[in-house]
N, C-alpha and C. Protein backbone atom coordinates (compact mmCIF):
# COMPACT_ATOMS: atom_id res chain seq x y z
N MET A 1 64.84 106.06 63.30
CA MET A 1 66.40 106.03 62.81
C MET A 1 67.44 105.97 63.68
N ALA A 2 67.09 105.65 64.88
CA ALA A 2 68.20 105.64 66.14
C ALA A 2 68.40 104.08 66.09
N THR A 3 67.13 103.47 65.57
CA THR A 3 67.89 101.68 65.48
C THR A 3 68.48 101.49 64.58
N ALA A 4 68.21 102.49 63.49
CA ALA A 4 69.20 102.50 62.11
C ALA A 4 70.52 102.95 62.65
N VAL A 5 71.05 103.65 63.05
CA VAL A 5 72.15 104.31 64.25
C VAL A 5 72.61 102.99 64.87
N PHE A 6 71.66 102.52 65.42
CA PHE A 6 72.40 101.40 66.52
C PHE A 6 73.31 100.08 65.86
N ALA A 7 72.11 99.52 64.69
CA ALA A 7 72.55 98.81 64.02
C ALA A 7 73.93 98.96 63.20
N LEU A 8 73.72 100.00 62.83
CA LEU A 8 74.99 100.67 61.98
C LEU A 8 76.86 100.50 62.70
N THR A 9 76.17 101.13 63.88
CA THR A 9 77.33 100.83 64.77
C THR A 9 77.97 99.82 65.45
N VAL A 10 76.68 98.38 65.58
CA VAL A 10 77.24 97.48 66.04
C VAL A 10 78.10 97.16 65.11
N ALA A 11 77.26 96.70 63.59
CA ALA A 11 78.21 96.21 61.97
C ALA A 11 79.47 97.26 62.16
N ALA A 12 79.33 98.51 62.49
CA ALA A 12 81.06 98.84 62.55
C ALA A 12 81.79 98.25 63.12
N ALA A 13 81.64 98.32 64.77
CA ALA A 13 82.51 97.53 65.41
C ALA A 13 82.33 96.22 65.43
N LEU A 14 81.60 95.44 64.99
CA LEU A 14 81.97 93.76 64.81
C LEU A 14 82.76 93.92 63.74
N GLY A 15 82.36 94.15 62.83
CA GLY A 15 83.16 94.36 61.70
C GLY A 15 84.80 94.71 61.50
N ALA A 16 84.98 95.92 62.40
CA ALA A 16 85.86 96.39 62.54
C ALA A 16 87.01 95.50 63.20
N GLY A 17 86.20 94.87 63.88
CA GLY A 17 86.85 93.67 65.25
C GLY A 17 87.80 92.42 64.52
N VAL A 18 86.53 92.08 63.63
CA VAL A 18 86.77 91.22 62.67
C VAL A 18 88.09 91.43 61.87
N MET A 19 88.18 92.73 61.25
CA MET A 19 89.46 92.79 60.63
C MET A 19 90.31 92.88 61.32
N ALA A 20 90.23 93.20 62.23
CA ALA A 20 91.76 93.38 63.42
C ALA A 20 92.10 92.04 64.07
N GLY A 21 91.07 91.41 64.09
CA GLY A 21 91.62 90.12 64.29
C GLY A 21 92.02 89.20 63.33
N PHE A 22 91.70 89.50 62.13
CA PHE A 22 92.34 88.92 60.61
C PHE A 22 93.57 89.59 60.57
N PHE A 23 93.88 90.76 60.33
CA PHE A 23 95.23 91.44 60.31
C PHE A 23 96.19 90.79 61.16
N TYR A 24 95.73 90.98 62.38
CA TYR A 24 96.26 90.39 63.43
C TYR A 24 96.92 88.76 63.53
N ALA A 25 96.13 88.03 63.23
CA ALA A 25 96.56 86.70 62.32
C ALA A 25 97.78 86.58 61.56
N PHE A 26 97.74 87.39 60.88
CA PHE A 26 98.49 87.27 59.27
C PHE A 26 100.08 87.88 59.96
N SER A 27 99.77 88.95 60.83
CA SER A 27 100.99 89.69 61.27
C SER A 27 101.96 88.50 62.34
N GLY A 28 100.46 88.03 63.54
CA GLY A 28 101.26 86.79 64.44
C GLY A 28 101.44 85.55 64.44
N LEU A 29 100.82 85.15 63.52
CA LEU A 29 100.88 84.29 62.47
C LEU A 29 101.39 83.32 61.25
N VAL A 30 100.61 84.17 60.61
CA VAL A 30 101.21 83.32 59.07
C VAL A 30 102.60 84.05 58.56
N MET A 31 102.71 85.26 58.66
CA MET A 31 103.92 85.76 58.36
C MET A 31 104.91 85.56 58.77
N PRO A 32 104.93 84.96 60.84
CA PRO A 32 106.04 84.78 60.98
C PRO A 32 106.18 83.05 61.01
N SER A 33 105.11 82.28 60.16
CA SER A 33 105.44 81.56 59.72
C SER A 33 106.22 81.13 58.19
N LEU A 34 105.57 82.03 57.60
CA LEU A 34 106.40 81.63 56.09
C LEU A 34 107.71 82.25 56.26
N ALA A 35 108.43 83.21 57.65
CA ALA A 35 109.39 83.92 57.91
C ALA A 35 110.19 82.66 57.71
N ARG A 36 109.89 81.40 58.64
CA ARG A 36 110.58 79.87 58.73
C ARG A 36 110.70 79.45 57.57
N ARG A 37 109.72 79.45 56.46
CA ARG A 37 110.30 78.28 55.10
C ARG A 37 111.32 79.32 54.16
N PRO A 38 111.83 78.84 53.57
CA PRO A 38 112.68 79.25 52.35
C PRO A 38 111.98 79.92 51.35
N PRO A 39 112.62 80.93 51.16
CA PRO A 39 112.21 82.31 50.36
C PRO A 39 111.21 81.83 49.33
N ALA A 40 111.40 81.00 48.20
CA ALA A 40 110.38 80.56 47.50
C ALA A 40 109.44 79.84 47.69
N GLN A 41 109.49 78.60 48.55
CA GLN A 41 108.56 78.19 49.34
C GLN A 41 107.73 79.11 49.86
N ALA A 42 108.10 80.58 50.47
CA ALA A 42 107.14 81.58 51.05
C ALA A 42 106.62 82.21 50.27
N ILE A 43 107.55 82.58 49.48
CA ILE A 43 106.88 83.47 48.56
C ILE A 43 105.47 82.93 47.28
N ALA A 44 105.43 81.36 47.05
CA ALA A 44 104.84 81.05 46.58
C ALA A 44 103.54 81.14 47.09
N ALA A 45 103.55 80.50 48.53
CA ALA A 45 102.71 80.81 49.51
C ALA A 45 101.40 81.92 49.48
N MET A 46 102.65 82.94 49.89
CA MET A 46 102.15 84.33 50.01
C MET A 46 101.03 84.91 48.33
N GLN A 47 102.10 84.59 47.48
CA GLN A 47 101.06 84.63 46.20
C GLN A 47 99.56 83.71 45.90
N THR A 48 99.71 82.44 46.75
CA THR A 48 98.48 81.82 46.47
C THR A 48 97.28 82.57 47.35
N ILE A 49 98.00 82.99 48.70
CA ILE A 49 97.20 83.75 49.89
C ILE A 49 96.71 84.95 48.83
N ASN A 50 97.69 85.95 48.79
CA ASN A 50 96.85 86.85 47.96
C ASN A 50 95.76 86.89 47.08
N VAL A 51 95.82 85.78 45.88
CA VAL A 51 94.91 85.13 45.13
C VAL A 51 93.28 84.88 45.68
N VAL A 52 93.60 83.98 46.87
CA VAL A 52 92.62 83.34 47.51
C VAL A 52 91.92 84.13 48.16
N VAL A 53 92.49 85.25 49.11
CA VAL A 53 92.02 86.18 49.92
C VAL A 53 90.78 87.25 49.03
N LEU A 54 90.77 87.22 47.64
CA LEU A 54 90.32 88.33 46.69
C LEU A 54 88.43 87.32 46.91
N ASN A 55 87.74 87.27 47.79
CA ASN A 55 86.66 86.62 47.27
C ASN A 55 85.56 87.09 47.69
N PRO A 56 84.06 87.41 47.60
CA PRO A 56 83.00 87.86 48.23
C PRO A 56 83.07 88.00 49.29
N LEU A 57 83.36 87.69 50.68
CA LEU A 57 83.17 87.47 51.82
C LEU A 57 83.80 88.07 52.51
N PHE A 58 85.66 88.31 51.64
CA PHE A 58 86.16 89.08 51.60
C PHE A 58 86.07 90.54 51.64
N PHE A 59 85.44 90.97 50.52
CA PHE A 59 84.94 91.77 50.33
C PHE A 59 84.15 92.49 51.22
N VAL A 60 82.65 91.85 51.32
CA VAL A 60 81.53 92.24 52.64
C VAL A 60 82.54 92.44 53.71
N LEU A 61 83.52 91.82 54.36
CA LEU A 61 83.82 91.96 55.66
C LEU A 61 85.10 92.92 55.61
N PHE A 62 85.82 93.21 54.45
CA PHE A 62 86.92 94.60 54.84
C PHE A 62 86.15 95.62 54.03
N PHE A 63 84.96 96.13 53.77
CA PHE A 63 84.07 97.20 52.84
C PHE A 63 83.10 97.69 53.87
N GLY A 64 82.87 96.16 54.41
CA GLY A 64 81.82 96.47 55.07
C GLY A 64 81.46 97.60 56.10
N PRO A 65 83.10 97.45 56.93
CA PRO A 65 83.07 98.41 58.14
C PRO A 65 83.05 100.20 57.59
N ALA A 66 83.87 99.85 56.65
CA ALA A 66 83.62 101.60 56.24
C ALA A 66 82.52 101.99 55.17
N ALA A 67 81.74 101.01 54.87
CA ALA A 67 80.41 101.64 54.19
C ALA A 67 79.51 101.97 55.58
N ALA A 68 79.49 101.19 56.41
CA ALA A 68 78.78 101.32 57.69
C ALA A 68 78.75 102.22 58.07
N GLY A 69 80.43 103.04 58.43
CA GLY A 69 81.34 104.21 59.17
C GLY A 69 80.28 105.33 57.92
N VAL A 70 80.70 105.15 57.09
CA VAL A 70 79.97 106.95 56.49
C VAL A 70 78.86 106.86 56.64
N ALA A 71 77.94 106.11 56.88
CA ALA A 71 76.23 106.21 56.82
C ALA A 71 76.16 106.40 58.01
N LEU A 72 77.27 106.07 58.66
CA LEU A 72 77.05 106.20 60.48
C LEU A 72 77.63 107.91 60.65
N SER A 73 78.46 108.15 60.26
CA SER A 73 78.90 109.54 59.89
C SER A 73 77.95 110.12 59.48
N ALA A 74 77.37 109.99 58.63
CA ALA A 74 76.31 110.75 58.23
C ALA A 74 75.04 111.14 58.30
N LEU A 75 75.07 110.14 59.58
CA LEU A 75 73.40 109.71 60.74
C LEU A 75 73.79 110.40 62.17
N ALA A 76 75.18 110.06 62.45
CA ALA A 76 75.40 110.17 64.49
C ALA A 76 74.78 111.31 64.42
N PRO A 77 75.58 112.29 64.12
CA PRO A 77 75.05 113.71 64.39
C PRO A 77 73.62 114.07 64.47
N PHE A 78 72.88 113.60 64.10
CA PHE A 78 71.47 113.55 64.18
C PHE A 78 70.60 113.17 65.32
N VAL A 79 71.27 112.33 65.60
CA VAL A 79 70.84 111.01 66.46
C VAL A 79 71.33 110.72 68.07
N LEU A 80 72.52 111.03 68.01
CA LEU A 80 73.24 110.78 69.20
C LEU A 80 73.81 112.11 69.77
N PRO A 81 74.28 111.60 71.17
CA PRO A 81 74.81 112.83 71.34
C PRO A 81 76.30 112.96 71.51
N ALA A 82 76.52 114.21 71.04
CA ALA A 82 77.88 114.93 70.85
C ALA A 82 79.23 114.18 70.51
N SER A 83 79.22 113.37 72.23
CA SER A 83 80.23 112.55 72.57
C SER A 83 80.49 111.12 71.40
N GLN A 84 79.10 110.50 71.62
CA GLN A 84 78.95 109.45 70.86
C GLN A 84 79.45 109.26 69.25
N ALA A 85 78.55 110.80 69.13
CA ALA A 85 78.54 111.10 67.33
C ALA A 85 80.29 111.16 66.94
N THR A 86 81.32 111.84 68.22
CA THR A 86 82.51 112.09 68.10
C THR A 86 83.03 111.17 67.88
N SER A 87 82.67 109.75 68.44
CA SER A 87 83.44 108.71 69.01
C SER A 87 82.95 107.72 67.60
N ALA A 88 81.68 107.87 66.84
CA ALA A 88 81.21 107.22 65.77
C ALA A 88 82.48 107.56 64.53
N PHE A 89 82.63 108.73 64.25
CA PHE A 89 82.89 109.44 63.51
C PHE A 89 84.52 109.57 63.58
N VAL A 90 85.29 109.00 64.54
CA VAL A 90 86.52 109.11 65.10
C VAL A 90 87.05 107.41 64.55
N GLY A 91 85.55 106.74 64.94
CA GLY A 91 85.82 105.38 64.64
C GLY A 91 85.72 104.92 63.10
N SER A 92 84.84 105.60 62.23
CA SER A 92 84.91 105.87 60.72
C SER A 92 86.31 106.25 60.39
N GLY A 93 86.91 107.18 60.79
CA GLY A 93 87.93 108.05 60.32
C GLY A 93 89.07 106.80 60.57
N LEU A 94 89.05 106.29 61.09
CA LEU A 94 90.58 104.76 61.63
C LEU A 94 90.31 104.03 60.71
N TYR A 95 89.33 103.57 60.62
CA TYR A 95 89.11 102.31 59.79
C TYR A 95 89.38 102.85 58.40
N ALA A 96 88.64 103.98 58.16
CA ALA A 96 88.93 104.17 56.72
C ALA A 96 90.38 104.65 56.74
N VAL A 97 91.10 105.15 57.30
CA VAL A 97 92.44 105.37 56.97
C VAL A 97 93.51 104.36 57.09
N GLY A 98 93.04 103.75 58.09
CA GLY A 98 94.06 102.89 58.85
C GLY A 98 94.13 101.47 58.36
N SER A 99 92.56 101.17 57.71
CA SER A 99 92.44 99.91 56.95
C SER A 99 92.69 100.07 55.19
N ILE A 100 91.79 100.61 55.12
CA ILE A 100 91.44 100.61 53.61
C ILE A 100 92.50 101.47 53.43
N GLY A 101 93.01 102.64 53.50
CA GLY A 101 93.76 103.92 53.01
C GLY A 101 95.10 103.10 53.19
N VAL A 102 95.66 102.07 54.51
CA VAL A 102 96.76 101.97 54.29
C VAL A 102 96.80 100.57 53.18
N THR A 103 96.24 99.92 53.39
CA THR A 103 95.96 98.77 52.09
C THR A 103 96.52 98.79 50.86
N ILE A 104 95.21 99.78 50.50
CA ILE A 104 95.32 100.67 49.11
C ILE A 104 97.03 101.07 48.38
N ALA A 105 97.62 102.07 49.77
CA ALA A 105 98.59 102.80 49.67
C ALA A 105 100.07 101.85 50.11
N LYS A 106 99.88 101.30 50.48
CA LYS A 106 100.88 100.24 51.27
C LYS A 106 101.17 98.61 50.87
N ASN A 107 99.73 98.02 51.12
CA ASN A 107 100.22 96.95 51.22
C ASN A 107 99.64 96.01 49.83
N ILE A 108 98.66 96.81 49.08
CA ILE A 108 98.75 96.19 47.69
C ILE A 108 99.83 96.60 46.66
N PRO A 109 100.15 97.43 46.70
CA PRO A 109 101.61 97.74 46.04
C PRO A 109 102.74 96.96 46.29
N LEU A 110 103.10 96.35 47.58
CA LEU A 110 104.06 95.08 48.22
C LEU A 110 102.92 93.47 47.12
N ASN A 111 101.97 93.87 47.26
CA ASN A 111 102.12 92.55 46.91
C ASN A 111 101.53 92.30 45.30
N ASP A 112 101.35 93.33 44.52
CA ASP A 112 101.87 93.22 43.48
C ASP A 112 103.08 93.02 42.74
N GLU A 113 103.97 93.95 43.56
CA GLU A 113 105.49 93.68 43.67
C GLU A 113 105.75 92.09 43.47
N LEU A 114 105.19 91.23 44.72
CA LEU A 114 105.78 90.22 45.07
C LEU A 114 104.71 88.94 43.83
N ALA A 115 103.41 89.23 43.19
CA ALA A 115 102.57 88.67 42.41
C ALA A 115 103.92 88.64 40.94
N ALA A 116 104.48 89.57 40.97
CA ALA A 116 105.14 89.78 39.62
C ALA A 116 106.93 88.96 39.72
N VAL A 117 107.30 88.48 40.97
CA VAL A 117 108.37 88.17 41.13
C VAL A 117 108.15 86.41 40.91
N SER A 118 109.04 85.48 40.13
CA SER A 118 108.57 84.07 40.07
C SER A 118 109.50 83.42 41.50
N PRO A 119 109.02 82.75 42.30
CA PRO A 119 109.41 81.98 43.72
C PRO A 119 110.74 81.54 43.35
N ASP A 120 111.18 81.36 42.40
CA ASP A 120 112.37 80.59 41.89
C ASP A 120 113.81 81.67 41.52
N ALA A 121 113.19 83.14 41.22
CA ALA A 121 113.94 83.49 40.83
C ALA A 121 115.03 84.20 41.41
N GLY A 122 116.11 84.43 41.07
CA GLY A 122 117.47 84.79 41.98
C GLY A 122 117.10 86.18 42.69
N GLU A 123 116.10 87.06 42.31
CA GLU A 123 116.00 88.12 43.39
C GLU A 123 114.70 87.47 43.88
N GLY A 124 114.41 86.70 43.97
CA GLY A 124 113.21 86.62 45.01
C GLY A 124 113.66 86.01 46.43
N ALA A 125 114.37 85.91 46.59
CA ALA A 125 114.77 86.01 48.31
C ALA A 125 114.88 87.81 48.91
N ALA A 126 115.87 88.54 47.91
CA ALA A 126 115.42 89.53 48.23
C ALA A 126 114.90 90.73 48.23
N VAL A 127 113.78 89.97 47.37
CA VAL A 127 112.17 90.96 46.94
C VAL A 127 111.94 90.35 48.68
N TRP A 128 111.33 89.04 48.55
CA TRP A 128 110.77 88.41 50.08
C TRP A 128 111.47 89.10 51.46
N SER A 129 112.34 89.40 51.45
CA SER A 129 113.18 89.59 52.19
C SER A 129 112.69 91.28 52.55
N ARG A 130 112.37 92.14 51.34
CA ARG A 130 111.86 93.26 51.66
C ARG A 130 110.47 93.61 52.03
N TYR A 131 109.40 92.38 52.15
CA TYR A 131 108.02 92.45 51.37
C TYR A 131 107.67 91.81 52.67
N LEU A 132 108.37 90.72 53.44
CA LEU A 132 108.45 90.32 54.64
C LEU A 132 108.28 91.08 55.55
N ARG A 133 109.37 92.00 55.60
CA ARG A 133 109.20 93.66 56.82
C ARG A 133 108.26 94.36 56.26
N ASP A 134 108.40 95.22 55.03
CA ASP A 134 107.38 96.03 55.05
C ASP A 134 105.87 95.90 55.12
N TRP A 135 105.69 94.46 54.37
CA TRP A 135 104.36 94.07 54.62
C TRP A 135 103.45 94.05 55.68
N THR A 136 104.55 93.28 56.85
CA THR A 136 104.20 93.13 57.97
C THR A 136 103.94 94.27 58.77
N TRP A 137 105.20 95.26 58.86
CA TRP A 137 104.95 96.06 59.12
C TRP A 137 103.52 96.95 59.18
N TRP A 138 103.11 97.31 57.81
CA TRP A 138 101.99 97.85 57.36
C TRP A 138 100.71 97.15 57.91
N ASN A 139 100.84 95.85 57.94
CA ASN A 139 99.72 95.07 58.63
C ASN A 139 99.93 94.81 60.05
N HIS A 140 100.81 95.17 60.66
CA HIS A 140 100.71 95.98 62.00
C HIS A 140 99.58 97.24 62.38
N ALA A 141 100.29 98.07 61.61
CA ALA A 141 99.71 99.09 61.54
C ALA A 141 97.91 99.06 61.07
N ARG A 142 97.53 98.24 60.28
CA ARG A 142 96.41 97.93 60.16
C ARG A 142 95.46 97.10 60.91
N ALA A 143 96.07 96.60 61.74
CA ALA A 143 95.71 95.58 62.46
C ALA A 143 95.11 96.70 63.87
N VAL A 144 96.07 97.69 64.20
CA VAL A 144 95.84 98.54 65.60
C VAL A 144 95.27 99.51 65.30
N ALA A 145 94.65 99.95 63.82
CA ALA A 145 94.07 100.69 63.54
C ALA A 145 92.81 100.17 63.53
N CYS A 146 92.24 99.17 62.96
CA CYS A 146 90.80 98.69 63.44
C CYS A 146 90.59 98.10 64.48
N LEU A 147 91.63 97.65 65.74
CA LEU A 147 91.14 98.02 66.85
C LEU A 147 90.53 98.89 67.36
N LEU A 148 91.22 100.06 67.00
CA LEU A 148 90.76 101.33 67.92
C LEU A 148 89.63 101.78 67.39
N ALA A 149 89.57 101.40 65.85
CA ALA A 149 88.16 102.07 65.22
C ALA A 149 86.88 101.28 65.66
N SER A 150 87.25 99.91 66.32
CA SER A 150 86.91 98.97 66.53
C SER A 150 86.47 99.93 67.87
N ALA A 151 86.93 100.01 68.71
CA ALA A 151 86.72 100.64 70.26
C ALA A 151 86.09 102.17 69.81
N GLY A 152 86.81 102.81 68.88
CA GLY A 152 85.59 104.28 69.06
C GLY A 152 84.25 103.80 68.56
N PHE A 153 83.76 102.58 67.83
CA PHE A 153 82.16 102.49 67.19
C PHE A 153 82.05 102.12 68.96
N VAL A 154 82.42 101.02 69.40
CA VAL A 154 81.67 100.66 71.02
C VAL A 154 81.92 101.88 71.67
N LEU A 155 82.64 102.89 71.75
CA LEU A 155 82.37 104.47 72.68
C LEU A 155 80.80 104.47 72.16
N ALA A 156 80.45 104.63 71.08
CA ALA A 156 79.57 105.78 69.80
C ALA A 156 77.81 104.15 70.57
N LEU A 157 78.37 103.53 71.22
CA LEU A 157 77.10 102.90 71.63
C LEU A 157 76.48 103.58 73.12
């Protein structure tokens, strides 16, 4: 069982780290680039991104660390010393709340609101401005949470 816990911990650490980088790329590169485009172009581009991202590979990368974290939280107390099991549990919680929870509670509703707007509509610029600010802020939170979760998993090793 120790080998399985080690493998789960490595998978969770790598997965959370990949997602931290994914979210950072959006916060640091994609969103600032879209902010430089006219609102109609930015809306159309982000609407496309929000459709394309929903693919099997993304789902594995996004939900994989959470699934590994759940399994790890159940097994670690029986295999790891208390401090390492605690680190694994903290990493799991940070990922679940900071990545999955924030995505469901904040980013998806904003994506849905943006999807309902015609890029050329009069209200598009106002929706985009609010979306850009709020979505990016919550995306920063997801990036930080994933990085901290990855650190928690690494400490569990």
